Amino acid sequence: QKFSTGEIINLMSTDAQQLMDMTSNLNLLWSAPFQILMAISLLWQEMGPAVLAGVAVLVFV
């Protein structure tokens, strides 16, 4: 099967975009839980147990 130059460039561009999207999503996979835990811990230091009400609302909604 032969592809033209334009088709090859299109395929390479699509693959590069998918690779870029995957690396971004993999970064979010580990950083999002870390950011959530850090935010809750910092709020806990400022507000104490009242933070649990906000966390409960977020979990149930």
Protein backbone atom coordinates (compact mmCIF):
# COMPACT_ATOMS: atom_id res chain seq x y z
CA GLN A 1 0.00 0.00 0.00
CA LYS A 2 1.49 3.32 -1.03
CA PHE A 3 0.80 6.60 0.69
CA SER A 4 1.37 10.06 -0.67
CA THR A 5 3.59 12.54 1.15
CA GLY A 6 0.57 14.46 2.39
CA GLU A 7 -1.04 11.34 3.82
CA ILE A 8 2.15 10.36 5.64
CA ILE A 9 2.49 13.85 7.13
CA ASN A 10 -1.16 13.71 8.20
CA LEU A 11 -0.65 10.33 9.90
CA MET A 12 2.50 11.54 11.66
CA SER A 13 0.74 14.70 12.82
CA THR A 14 -2.14 12.69 14.23
CA ASP A 15 0.22 10.33 16.05
CA ALA A 16 2.21 13.22 17.49
CA GLN A 17 -0.98 14.90 18.73
CA GLN A 18 -2.17 11.69 20.38
CA LEU A 19 1.21 11.24 22.07
CA MET A 20 1.09 14.81 23.35
CA ASP A 21 -2.44 14.31 24.69
CA MET A 22 -1.42 11.05 26.39
CA THR A 23 1.55 12.62 28.19
CA SER A 24 -0.66 15.46 29.42
CA ASN A 25 -3.29 13.05 30.71
CA LEU A 26 -0.70 10.81 32.37
CA ASN A 27 0.65 13.86 34.18
CA LEU A 28 -2.84 14.64 35.47
CA LEU A 29 -3.28 11.04 36.61
CA TRP A 30 -0.71 11.42 39.37
CA SER A 31 -0.83 15.17 40.00
CA ALA A 32 -4.59 15.63 40.44
CA PRO A 33 -4.92 13.41 43.56
CA PHE A 34 -1.78 15.04 44.99
CA GLN A 35 -3.21 18.54 44.43
CA ILE A 36 -6.55 17.57 45.97
CA LEU A 37 -4.89 16.13 49.08
CA MET A 38 -2.64 19.17 49.44
CA ALA A 39 -5.62 21.53 49.13
CA ILE A 40 -7.59 19.60 51.74
CA SER A 41 -4.64 19.52 54.14
CA LEU A 42 -4.00 23.26 53.77
CA LEU A 43 -7.69 24.00 54.28
CA TRP A 44 -7.68 21.72 57.33
CA GLN A 45 -4.86 23.78 58.86
CA GLU A 46 -6.87 26.96 58.38
CA MET A 47 -10.44 25.81 59.04
CA GLY A 48 -10.18 22.58 61.02
CA PRO A 49 -12.97 20.00 60.89
CA ALA A 50 -15.28 22.36 58.97
CA VAL A 51 -13.40 21.23 55.86
CA LEU A 52 -15.10 17.85 56.14
CA ALA A 53 -18.45 19.45 55.30
CA GLY A 54 -17.07 20.83 52.06
CA VAL A 55 -15.41 17.53 51.18
CA ALA A 56 -18.67 15.69 51.89
CA VAL A 57 -20.57 18.02 49.55
CA LEU A 58 -18.00 17.45 46.81
CA VAL A 59 -18.15 13.68 47.25
CA PHE A 60 -21.95 13.46 47.25
CA VAL A 61 -22.46 15.83 44.33
